[in-house]
mmCIF file of all heavy atoms, coordinates in Angstrom:
data_MODEL
# 
_entry.id   MODEL 
# 
loop_
_atom_site.group_PDB 
_atom_site.id 
_atom_site.type_symbol 
_atom_site.label_atom_id 
_atom_site.label_alt_id 
_atom_site.label_comp_id 
_atom_site.label_asym_id 
_atom_site.label_entity_id 
_atom_site.label_seq_id 
_atom_site.pdbx_PDB_ins_code 
_atom_site.Cartn_x 
_atom_site.Cartn_y 
_atom_site.Cartn_z 
_atom_site.occupancy 
_atom_site.B_iso_or_equiv 
_atom_site.pdbx_formal_charge 
_atom_site.auth_seq_id 
_atom_site.auth_comp_id 
_atom_site.auth_asym_id 
_atom_site.auth_atom_id 
_atom_site.pdbx_PDB_model_num 
ATOM 1   N N   . LYS A 1 1  ? 0.825   -1.181  0.020  1.00 0.00 ? 1  LYS A N   1 
ATOM 2   C CA  . LYS A 1 1  ? 0.041   0.014   0.021  1.00 0.00 ? 1  LYS A CA  1 
ATOM 3   C C   . LYS A 1 1  ? 0.867   1.236   -0.045 1.00 0.00 ? 1  LYS A C   1 
ATOM 4   O O   . LYS A 1 1  ? 0.522   2.272   -0.648 1.00 0.00 ? 1  LYS A O   1 
ATOM 5   C CB  . LYS A 1 1  ? -0.971  0.030   1.194  1.00 0.00 ? 1  LYS A CB  1 
ATOM 6   C CG  . LYS A 1 1  ? -1.780  1.258   1.163  1.00 0.00 ? 1  LYS A CG  1 
ATOM 7   C CD  . LYS A 1 1  ? -2.734  1.410   2.383  1.00 0.00 ? 1  LYS A CD  1 
ATOM 8   C CE  . LYS A 1 1  ? -3.507  2.758   2.283  1.00 0.00 ? 1  LYS A CE  1 
ATOM 9   N NZ  . LYS A 1 1  ? -4.410  2.924   3.361  1.00 0.00 ? 1  LYS A NZ  1 
ATOM 10  N N   . GLN A 1 2  ? 2.030   1.231   0.729  1.00 0.00 ? 2  GLN A N   1 
ATOM 11  C CA  . GLN A 1 2  ? 2.852   2.398   0.743  1.00 0.00 ? 2  GLN A CA  1 
ATOM 12  C C   . GLN A 1 2  ? 3.506   2.668   -0.613 1.00 0.00 ? 2  GLN A C   1 
ATOM 13  O O   . GLN A 1 2  ? 3.677   3.828   -0.975 1.00 0.00 ? 2  GLN A O   1 
ATOM 14  C CB  . GLN A 1 2  ? 3.934   2.193   1.822  1.00 0.00 ? 2  GLN A CB  1 
ATOM 15  C CG  . GLN A 1 2  ? 3.396   2.233   3.248  1.00 0.00 ? 2  GLN A CG  1 
ATOM 16  C CD  . GLN A 1 2  ? 4.436   2.402   4.223  1.00 0.00 ? 2  GLN A CD  1 
ATOM 17  O OE1 . GLN A 1 2  ? 5.273   3.345   4.181  1.00 0.00 ? 2  GLN A OE1 1 
ATOM 18  N NE2 . GLN A 1 2  ? 4.432   1.569   5.283  1.00 0.00 ? 2  GLN A NE2 1 
ATOM 19  N N   . VAL A 1 3  ? 3.765   1.648   -1.351 1.00 0.00 ? 3  VAL A N   1 
ATOM 20  C CA  . VAL A 1 3  ? 4.382   1.794   -2.730 1.00 0.00 ? 3  VAL A CA  1 
ATOM 21  C C   . VAL A 1 3  ? 3.330   2.183   -3.713 1.00 0.00 ? 3  VAL A C   1 
ATOM 22  O O   . VAL A 1 3  ? 3.553   2.923   -4.597 1.00 0.00 ? 3  VAL A O   1 
ATOM 23  C CB  . VAL A 1 3  ? 5.163   0.514   -3.116 1.00 0.00 ? 3  VAL A CB  1 
ATOM 24  C CG1 . VAL A 1 3  ? 5.694   0.624   -4.502 1.00 0.00 ? 3  VAL A CG1 1 
ATOM 25  C CG2 . VAL A 1 3  ? 6.260   0.233   -2.067 1.00 0.00 ? 3  VAL A CG2 1 
ATOM 26  N N   . THR A 1 4  ? 2.196   1.581   -3.588 1.00 0.00 ? 4  THR A N   1 
ATOM 27  C CA  . THR A 1 4  ? 1.048   1.767   -4.507 1.00 0.00 ? 4  THR A CA  1 
ATOM 28  C C   . THR A 1 4  ? -0.273  2.012   -3.786 1.00 0.00 ? 4  THR A C   1 
ATOM 29  O O   . THR A 1 4  ? -1.069  1.162   -3.560 1.00 0.00 ? 4  THR A O   1 
ATOM 30  C CB  . THR A 1 4  ? 0.828   0.494   -5.437 1.00 0.00 ? 4  THR A CB  1 
ATOM 31  O OG1 . THR A 1 4  ? 0.524   -0.607  -4.600 1.00 0.00 ? 4  THR A OG1 1 
ATOM 32  C CG2 . THR A 1 4  ? 2.057   0.258   -6.268 1.00 0.00 ? 4  THR A CG2 1 
ATOM 33  N N   . PRO A 1 5  ? -0.396  3.277   -3.300 1.00 0.00 ? 5  PRO A N   1 
ATOM 34  C CA  . PRO A 1 5  ? -1.502  3.646   -2.383 1.00 0.00 ? 5  PRO A CA  1 
ATOM 35  C C   . PRO A 1 5  ? -2.864  3.339   -3.011 1.00 0.00 ? 5  PRO A C   1 
ATOM 36  O O   . PRO A 1 5  ? -3.837  3.087   -2.200 1.00 0.00 ? 5  PRO A O   1 
ATOM 37  C CB  . PRO A 1 5  ? -1.366  5.104   -2.148 1.00 0.00 ? 5  PRO A CB  1 
ATOM 38  C CG  . PRO A 1 5  ? 0.115   5.350   -2.385 1.00 0.00 ? 5  PRO A CG  1 
ATOM 39  C CD  . PRO A 1 5  ? 0.489   4.479   -3.531 1.00 0.00 ? 5  PRO A CD  1 
ATOM 40  N N   . GLN A 1 6  ? -3.099  3.322   -4.334 1.00 0.00 ? 6  GLN A N   1 
ATOM 41  C CA  . GLN A 1 6  ? -4.348  3.175   -4.905 1.00 0.00 ? 6  GLN A CA  1 
ATOM 42  C C   . GLN A 1 6  ? -4.658  1.726   -5.380 1.00 0.00 ? 6  GLN A C   1 
ATOM 43  O O   . GLN A 1 6  ? -5.634  1.391   -5.996 1.00 0.00 ? 6  GLN A O   1 
ATOM 44  C CB  . GLN A 1 6  ? -4.529  4.070   -6.161 1.00 0.00 ? 6  GLN A CB  1 
ATOM 45  C CG  . GLN A 1 6  ? -4.382  5.552   -5.822 1.00 0.00 ? 6  GLN A CG  1 
ATOM 46  C CD  . GLN A 1 6  ? -5.382  6.043   -4.730 1.00 0.00 ? 6  GLN A CD  1 
ATOM 47  O OE1 . GLN A 1 6  ? -6.568  5.641   -4.776 1.00 0.00 ? 6  GLN A OE1 1 
ATOM 48  N NE2 . GLN A 1 6  ? -4.839  6.839   -3.824 1.00 0.00 ? 6  GLN A NE2 1 
ATOM 49  N N   . SER A 1 7  ? -3.622  0.809   -5.103 1.00 0.00 ? 7  SER A N   1 
ATOM 50  C CA  . SER A 1 7  ? -3.723  -0.502  -5.566 1.00 0.00 ? 7  SER A CA  1 
ATOM 51  C C   . SER A 1 7  ? -4.890  -1.249  -4.915 1.00 0.00 ? 7  SER A C   1 
ATOM 52  O O   . SER A 1 7  ? -5.338  -1.008  -3.787 1.00 0.00 ? 7  SER A O   1 
ATOM 53  C CB  . SER A 1 7  ? -2.383  -1.252  -5.299 1.00 0.00 ? 7  SER A CB  1 
ATOM 54  O OG  . SER A 1 7  ? -2.152  -1.401  -3.993 1.00 0.00 ? 7  SER A OG  1 
ATOM 55  N N   . LYS A 1 8  ? -5.367  -2.289  -5.561 1.00 0.00 ? 8  LYS A N   1 
ATOM 56  C CA  . LYS A 1 8  ? -6.265  -3.320  -5.021 1.00 0.00 ? 8  LYS A CA  1 
ATOM 57  C C   . LYS A 1 8  ? -5.526  -4.586  -4.771 1.00 0.00 ? 8  LYS A C   1 
ATOM 58  O O   . LYS A 1 8  ? -5.010  -5.151  -5.647 1.00 0.00 ? 8  LYS A O   1 
ATOM 59  C CB  . LYS A 1 8  ? -7.449  -3.471  -5.924 1.00 0.00 ? 8  LYS A CB  1 
ATOM 60  C CG  . LYS A 1 8  ? -8.354  -2.280  -6.150 1.00 0.00 ? 8  LYS A CG  1 
ATOM 61  C CD  . LYS A 1 8  ? -8.944  -1.781  -4.796 1.00 0.00 ? 8  LYS A CD  1 
ATOM 62  C CE  . LYS A 1 8  ? -9.796  -0.525  -5.001 1.00 0.00 ? 8  LYS A CE  1 
ATOM 63  N NZ  . LYS A 1 8  ? -10.346 -0.056  -3.693 1.00 0.00 ? 8  LYS A NZ  1 
ATOM 64  N N   . ILE A 1 9  ? -5.569  -4.988  -3.522 1.00 0.00 ? 9  ILE A N   1 
ATOM 65  C CA  . ILE A 1 9  ? -4.788  -6.148  -3.118 1.00 0.00 ? 9  ILE A CA  1 
ATOM 66  C C   . ILE A 1 9  ? -5.723  -7.290  -2.917 1.00 0.00 ? 9  ILE A C   1 
ATOM 67  O O   . ILE A 1 9  ? -6.673  -7.215  -2.169 1.00 0.00 ? 9  ILE A O   1 
ATOM 68  C CB  . ILE A 1 9  ? -4.027  -5.876  -1.843 1.00 0.00 ? 9  ILE A CB  1 
ATOM 69  C CG1 . ILE A 1 9  ? -3.057  -4.674  -1.991 1.00 0.00 ? 9  ILE A CG1 1 
ATOM 70  C CG2 . ILE A 1 9  ? -3.263  -7.145  -1.257 1.00 0.00 ? 9  ILE A CG2 1 
ATOM 71  C CD1 . ILE A 1 9  ? -2.453  -4.144  -0.737 1.00 0.00 ? 9  ILE A CD1 1 
ATOM 72  N N   . VAL A 1 10 ? -5.397  -8.437  -3.594 1.00 0.00 ? 10 VAL A N   1 
ATOM 73  C CA  . VAL A 1 10 ? -6.244  -9.643  -3.532 1.00 0.00 ? 10 VAL A CA  1 
ATOM 74  C C   . VAL A 1 10 ? -5.435  -10.741 -2.828 1.00 0.00 ? 10 VAL A C   1 
ATOM 75  O O   . VAL A 1 10 ? -4.462  -11.209 -3.312 1.00 0.00 ? 10 VAL A O   1 
ATOM 76  C CB  . VAL A 1 10 ? -6.650  -10.103 -4.896 1.00 0.00 ? 10 VAL A CB  1 
ATOM 77  C CG1 . VAL A 1 10 ? -7.576  -11.349 -4.758 1.00 0.00 ? 10 VAL A CG1 1 
ATOM 78  C CG2 . VAL A 1 10 ? -7.300  -9.062  -5.686 1.00 0.00 ? 10 VAL A CG2 1 
ATOM 79  N N   . PRO A 1 11 ? -5.895  -11.111 -1.578 1.00 0.00 ? 11 PRO A N   1 
ATOM 80  C CA  . PRO A 1 11 ? -5.210  -12.141 -0.863 1.00 0.00 ? 11 PRO A CA  1 
ATOM 81  C C   . PRO A 1 11 ? -5.517  -13.560 -1.379 1.00 0.00 ? 11 PRO A C   1 
ATOM 82  O O   . PRO A 1 11 ? -6.689  -13.859 -1.547 1.00 0.00 ? 11 PRO A O   1 
ATOM 83  C CB  . PRO A 1 11 ? -5.705  -11.969 0.607  1.00 0.00 ? 11 PRO A CB  1 
ATOM 84  C CG  . PRO A 1 11 ? -6.485  -10.701 0.632  1.00 0.00 ? 11 PRO A CG  1 
ATOM 85  C CD  . PRO A 1 11 ? -6.964  -10.477 -0.752 1.00 0.00 ? 11 PRO A CD  1 
ATOM 86  N N   . TYR A 1 12 ? -4.426  -14.330 -1.537 1.00 0.00 ? 12 TYR A N   1 
ATOM 87  C CA  . TYR A 1 12 ? -4.572  -15.792 -1.762 1.00 0.00 ? 12 TYR A CA  1 
ATOM 88  C C   . TYR A 1 12 ? -3.806  -16.474 -0.693 1.00 0.00 ? 12 TYR A C   1 
ATOM 89  O O   . TYR A 1 12 ? -2.589  -16.388 -0.561 1.00 0.00 ? 12 TYR A O   1 
ATOM 90  C CB  . TYR A 1 12 ? -3.972  -16.141 -3.135 1.00 0.00 ? 12 TYR A CB  1 
ATOM 91  C CG  . TYR A 1 12 ? -4.728  -15.501 -4.308 1.00 0.00 ? 12 TYR A CG  1 
ATOM 92  C CD1 . TYR A 1 12 ? -4.430  -14.227 -4.786 1.00 0.00 ? 12 TYR A CD1 1 
ATOM 93  C CD2 . TYR A 1 12 ? -5.718  -16.227 -4.971 1.00 0.00 ? 12 TYR A CD2 1 
ATOM 94  C CE1 . TYR A 1 12 ? -5.086  -13.601 -5.752 1.00 0.00 ? 12 TYR A CE1 1 
ATOM 95  C CE2 . TYR A 1 12 ? -6.410  -15.576 -6.026 1.00 0.00 ? 12 TYR A CE2 1 
ATOM 96  C CZ  . TYR A 1 12 ? -6.145  -14.339 -6.406 1.00 0.00 ? 12 TYR A CZ  1 
ATOM 97  O OH  . TYR A 1 12 ? -6.838  -13.754 -7.468 1.00 0.00 ? 12 TYR A OH  1 
ATOM 98  N N   . LYS A 1 13 ? -4.550  -17.186 0.195  1.00 0.00 ? 13 LYS A N   1 
ATOM 99  C CA  . LYS A 1 13 ? -3.935  -17.753 1.360  1.00 0.00 ? 13 LYS A CA  1 
ATOM 100 C C   . LYS A 1 13 ? -3.433  -19.097 1.091  1.00 0.00 ? 13 LYS A C   1 
ATOM 101 O O   . LYS A 1 13 ? -4.131  -19.981 0.603  1.00 0.00 ? 13 LYS A O   1 
ATOM 102 C CB  . LYS A 1 13 ? -4.980  -17.821 2.556  1.00 0.00 ? 13 LYS A CB  1 
ATOM 103 C CG  . LYS A 1 13 ? -4.322  -18.442 3.786  1.00 0.00 ? 13 LYS A CG  1 
ATOM 104 C CD  . LYS A 1 13 ? -5.347  -18.544 4.957  1.00 0.00 ? 13 LYS A CD  1 
ATOM 105 C CE  . LYS A 1 13 ? -5.488  -17.242 5.705  1.00 0.00 ? 13 LYS A CE  1 
ATOM 106 N NZ  . LYS A 1 13 ? -6.240  -17.428 7.000  1.00 0.00 ? 13 LYS A NZ  1 
ATOM 107 N N   . ILE A 1 14 ? -2.116  -19.294 1.357  1.00 0.00 ? 14 ILE A N   1 
ATOM 108 C CA  . ILE A 1 14 ? -1.449  -20.623 1.156  1.00 0.00 ? 14 ILE A CA  1 
ATOM 109 C C   . ILE A 1 14 ? -0.724  -21.086 2.379  1.00 0.00 ? 14 ILE A C   1 
ATOM 110 O O   . ILE A 1 14 ? -0.133  -22.205 2.432  1.00 0.00 ? 14 ILE A O   1 
ATOM 111 C CB  . ILE A 1 14 ? -0.496  -20.605 -0.062 1.00 0.00 ? 14 ILE A CB  1 
ATOM 112 C CG1 . ILE A 1 14 ? 0.416   -19.368 -0.015 1.00 0.00 ? 14 ILE A CG1 1 
ATOM 113 C CG2 . ILE A 1 14 ? -1.289  -20.573 -1.300 1.00 0.00 ? 14 ILE A CG2 1 
ATOM 114 C CD1 . ILE A 1 14 ? 1.619   -19.417 0.844  1.00 0.00 ? 14 ILE A CD1 1 
ATOM 115 N N   . ILE A 1 15 ? -0.872  -20.317 3.439  1.00 0.00 ? 15 ILE A N   1 
ATOM 116 C CA  . ILE A 1 15 ? -0.249  -20.730 4.779  1.00 0.00 ? 15 ILE A CA  1 
ATOM 117 C C   . ILE A 1 15 ? -1.099  -20.141 5.879  1.00 0.00 ? 15 ILE A C   1 
ATOM 118 O O   . ILE A 1 15 ? -1.655  -19.065 5.826  1.00 0.00 ? 15 ILE A O   1 
ATOM 119 C CB  . ILE A 1 15 ? 1.228   -20.220 4.834  1.00 0.00 ? 15 ILE A CB  1 
ATOM 120 C CG1 . ILE A 1 15 ? 1.892   -20.912 5.977  1.00 0.00 ? 15 ILE A CG1 1 
ATOM 121 C CG2 . ILE A 1 15 ? 1.289   -18.696 4.828  1.00 0.00 ? 15 ILE A CG2 1 
ATOM 122 C CD1 . ILE A 1 15 ? 3.384   -20.666 6.053  1.00 0.00 ? 15 ILE A CD1 1 
ATOM 123 N N   . ASP A 1 16 ? -1.248  -20.919 6.993  1.00 0.00 ? 16 ASP A N   1 
ATOM 124 C CA  . ASP A 1 16 ? -2.196  -20.538 7.977  1.00 0.00 ? 16 ASP A CA  1 
ATOM 125 C C   . ASP A 1 16 ? -1.568  -20.567 9.398  1.00 0.00 ? 16 ASP A C   1 
ATOM 126 O O   . ASP A 1 16 ? -2.128  -20.089 10.357 1.00 0.00 ? 16 ASP A O   1 
ATOM 127 C CB  . ASP A 1 16 ? -3.432  -21.377 8.011  1.00 0.00 ? 16 ASP A CB  1 
ATOM 128 C CG  . ASP A 1 16 ? -4.523  -20.873 8.858  1.00 0.00 ? 16 ASP A CG  1 
ATOM 129 O OD1 . ASP A 1 16 ? -4.723  -19.631 8.906  1.00 0.00 ? 16 ASP A OD1 1 
ATOM 130 O OD2 . ASP A 1 16 ? -5.236  -21.696 9.462  1.00 0.00 ? 16 ASP A OD2 1 
ATOM 131 N N   . VAL A 1 17 ? -0.426  -21.237 9.580  1.00 0.00 ? 17 VAL A N   1 
ATOM 132 C CA  . VAL A 1 17 ? 0.158   -21.468 10.854 1.00 0.00 ? 17 VAL A CA  1 
ATOM 133 C C   . VAL A 1 17 ? 1.612   -20.994 10.848 1.00 0.00 ? 17 VAL A C   1 
ATOM 134 O O   . VAL A 1 17 ? 2.424   -21.286 9.954  1.00 0.00 ? 17 VAL A O   1 
ATOM 135 C CB  . VAL A 1 17 ? 0.160   -22.923 11.265 1.00 0.00 ? 17 VAL A CB  1 
ATOM 136 C CG1 . VAL A 1 17 ? 0.776   -23.101 12.641 1.00 0.00 ? 17 VAL A CG1 1 
ATOM 137 C CG2 . VAL A 1 17 ? -1.284  -23.470 11.276 1.00 0.00 ? 17 VAL A CG2 1 
ATOM 138 N N   . LYS A 1 18 ? 2.054   -20.203 11.830 1.00 0.00 ? 18 LYS A N   1 
ATOM 139 C CA  . LYS A 1 18 ? 3.340   -19.668 11.899 1.00 0.00 ? 18 LYS A CA  1 
ATOM 140 C C   . LYS A 1 18 ? 4.372   -20.825 12.018 1.00 0.00 ? 18 LYS A C   1 
ATOM 141 O O   . LYS A 1 18 ? 4.123   -21.777 12.654 1.00 0.00 ? 18 LYS A O   1 
ATOM 142 C CB  . LYS A 1 18 ? 3.477   -18.733 13.161 1.00 0.00 ? 18 LYS A CB  1 
ATOM 143 C CG  . LYS A 1 18 ? 4.648   -17.799 13.093 1.00 0.00 ? 18 LYS A CG  1 
ATOM 144 C CD  . LYS A 1 18 ? 4.535   -16.765 14.167 1.00 0.00 ? 18 LYS A CD  1 
ATOM 145 C CE  . LYS A 1 18 ? 5.636   -15.732 14.071 1.00 0.00 ? 18 LYS A CE  1 
ATOM 146 N NZ  . LYS A 1 18 ? 5.623   -14.660 15.100 1.00 0.00 ? 18 LYS A NZ  1 
ATOM 147 N N   . GLU A 1 19 ? 5.454   -20.636 11.305 1.00 0.00 ? 19 GLU A N   1 
ATOM 148 C CA  . GLU A 1 19 ? 6.589   -21.556 11.234 1.00 0.00 ? 19 GLU A CA  1 
ATOM 149 C C   . GLU A 1 19 ? 6.240   -22.841 10.413 1.00 0.00 ? 19 GLU A C   1 
ATOM 150 O O   . GLU A 1 19 ? 7.066   -23.717 10.248 1.00 0.00 ? 19 GLU A O   1 
ATOM 151 C CB  . GLU A 1 19 ? 6.944   -22.133 12.674 1.00 0.00 ? 19 GLU A CB  1 
ATOM 152 C CG  . GLU A 1 19 ? 7.277   -20.995 13.635 1.00 0.00 ? 19 GLU A CG  1 
ATOM 153 C CD  . GLU A 1 19 ? 8.421   -20.123 13.189 1.00 0.00 ? 19 GLU A CD  1 
ATOM 154 O OE1 . GLU A 1 19 ? 9.258   -20.615 12.421 1.00 0.00 ? 19 GLU A OE1 1 
ATOM 155 O OE2 . GLU A 1 19 ? 8.433   -18.955 13.601 1.00 0.00 ? 19 GLU A OE2 1 
ATOM 156 N N   . SER A 1 20 ? 5.027   -22.867 9.752  1.00 0.00 ? 20 SER A N   1 
ATOM 157 C CA  . SER A 1 20 ? 4.700   -23.998 8.879  1.00 0.00 ? 20 SER A CA  1 
ATOM 158 C C   . SER A 1 20 ? 5.187   -23.668 7.512  1.00 0.00 ? 20 SER A C   1 
ATOM 159 O O   . SER A 1 20 ? 5.511   -22.537 7.168  1.00 0.00 ? 20 SER A O   1 
ATOM 160 C CB  . SER A 1 20 ? 3.244   -24.308 8.967  1.00 0.00 ? 20 SER A CB  1 
ATOM 161 O OG  . SER A 1 20 ? 2.525   -23.271 8.307  1.00 0.00 ? 20 SER A OG  1 
ATOM 162 N N   . LYS A 1 21 ? 5.263   -24.696 6.637  1.00 0.00 ? 21 LYS A N   1 
ATOM 163 C CA  . LYS A 1 21 ? 5.641   -24.477 5.262  1.00 0.00 ? 21 LYS A CA  1 
ATOM 164 C C   . LYS A 1 21 ? 4.488   -24.548 4.312  1.00 0.00 ? 21 LYS A C   1 
ATOM 165 O O   . LYS A 1 21 ? 3.570   -25.294 4.464  1.00 0.00 ? 21 LYS A O   1 
ATOM 166 C CB  . LYS A 1 21 ? 6.649   -25.566 4.834  1.00 0.00 ? 21 LYS A CB  1 
ATOM 167 C CG  . LYS A 1 21 ? 7.947   -25.555 5.653  1.00 0.00 ? 21 LYS A CG  1 
ATOM 168 C CD  . LYS A 1 21 ? 8.854   -26.653 5.188  1.00 0.00 ? 21 LYS A CD  1 
ATOM 169 C CE  . LYS A 1 21 ? 10.219  -26.600 5.948  1.00 0.00 ? 21 LYS A CE  1 
ATOM 170 N NZ  . LYS A 1 21 ? 11.142  -27.737 5.490  1.00 0.00 ? 21 LYS A NZ  1 
ATOM 171 N N   . ALA A 1 22 ? 4.574   -23.628 3.274  1.00 0.00 ? 22 ALA A N   1 
ATOM 172 C CA  . ALA A 1 22 ? 3.502   -23.539 2.262  1.00 0.00 ? 22 ALA A CA  1 
ATOM 173 C C   . ALA A 1 22 ? 3.645   -24.743 1.364  1.00 0.00 ? 22 ALA A C   1 
ATOM 174 O O   . ALA A 1 22 ? 4.801   -25.144 1.015  1.00 0.00 ? 22 ALA A O   1 
ATOM 175 C CB  . ALA A 1 22 ? 3.559   -22.318 1.497  1.00 0.00 ? 22 ALA A CB  1 
ATOM 176 N N   . ASP A 1 23 ? 2.580   -25.378 0.903  1.00 0.00 ? 23 ASP A N   1 
ATOM 177 C CA  . ASP A 1 23 ? 2.534   -26.339 -0.086 1.00 0.00 ? 23 ASP A CA  1 
ATOM 178 C C   . ASP A 1 23 ? 2.861   -25.759 -1.471 1.00 0.00 ? 23 ASP A C   1 
ATOM 179 O O   . ASP A 1 23 ? 2.083   -24.856 -1.914 1.00 0.00 ? 23 ASP A O   1 
ATOM 180 C CB  . ASP A 1 23 ? 1.158   -27.037 -0.071 1.00 0.00 ? 23 ASP A CB  1 
ATOM 181 C CG  . ASP A 1 23 ? 1.082   -28.304 -0.990 1.00 0.00 ? 23 ASP A CG  1 
ATOM 182 O OD1 . ASP A 1 23 ? 1.768   -28.325 -1.990 1.00 0.00 ? 23 ASP A OD1 1 
ATOM 183 O OD2 . ASP A 1 23 ? 0.315   -29.249 -0.635 1.00 0.00 ? 23 ASP A OD2 1 
ATOM 184 N N   . SER A 1 24 ? 3.869   -26.274 -2.101 1.00 0.00 ? 24 SER A N   1 
ATOM 185 C CA  . SER A 1 24 ? 4.293   -25.690 -3.389 1.00 0.00 ? 24 SER A CA  1 
ATOM 186 C C   . SER A 1 24 ? 3.184   -25.838 -4.393 1.00 0.00 ? 24 SER A C   1 
ATOM 187 O O   . SER A 1 24 ? 3.010   -24.876 -5.283 1.00 0.00 ? 24 SER A O   1 
ATOM 188 C CB  . SER A 1 24 ? 5.537   -26.371 -3.893 1.00 0.00 ? 24 SER A CB  1 
ATOM 189 O OG  . SER A 1 24 ? 6.666   -26.033 -3.159 1.00 0.00 ? 24 SER A OG  1 
ATOM 190 N N   . LEU A 1 25 ? 2.395   -26.884 -4.337 1.00 0.00 ? 25 LEU A N   1 
ATOM 191 C CA  . LEU A 1 25 ? 1.300   -27.037 -5.332 1.00 0.00 ? 25 LEU A CA  1 
ATOM 192 C C   . LEU A 1 25 ? 0.218   -25.958 -5.111 1.00 0.00 ? 25 LEU A C   1 
ATOM 193 O O   . LEU A 1 25 ? -0.382  -25.488 -6.075 1.00 0.00 ? 25 LEU A O   1 
ATOM 194 C CB  . LEU A 1 25 ? 0.648   -28.404 -5.160 1.00 0.00 ? 25 LEU A CB  1 
ATOM 195 C CG  . LEU A 1 25 ? 1.487   -29.588 -5.673 1.00 0.00 ? 25 LEU A CG  1 
ATOM 196 C CD1 . LEU A 1 25 ? 0.844   -30.919 -5.448 1.00 0.00 ? 25 LEU A CD1 1 
ATOM 197 C CD2 . LEU A 1 25 ? 1.844   -29.361 -7.243 1.00 0.00 ? 25 LEU A CD2 1 
# 
């Protein structure tokens, strides 16, 4: 947001627990 204040950010969640690893697939 600081770099692109007018941008629209779309979250895609691939990790949910701290210290866990994201599934590459």
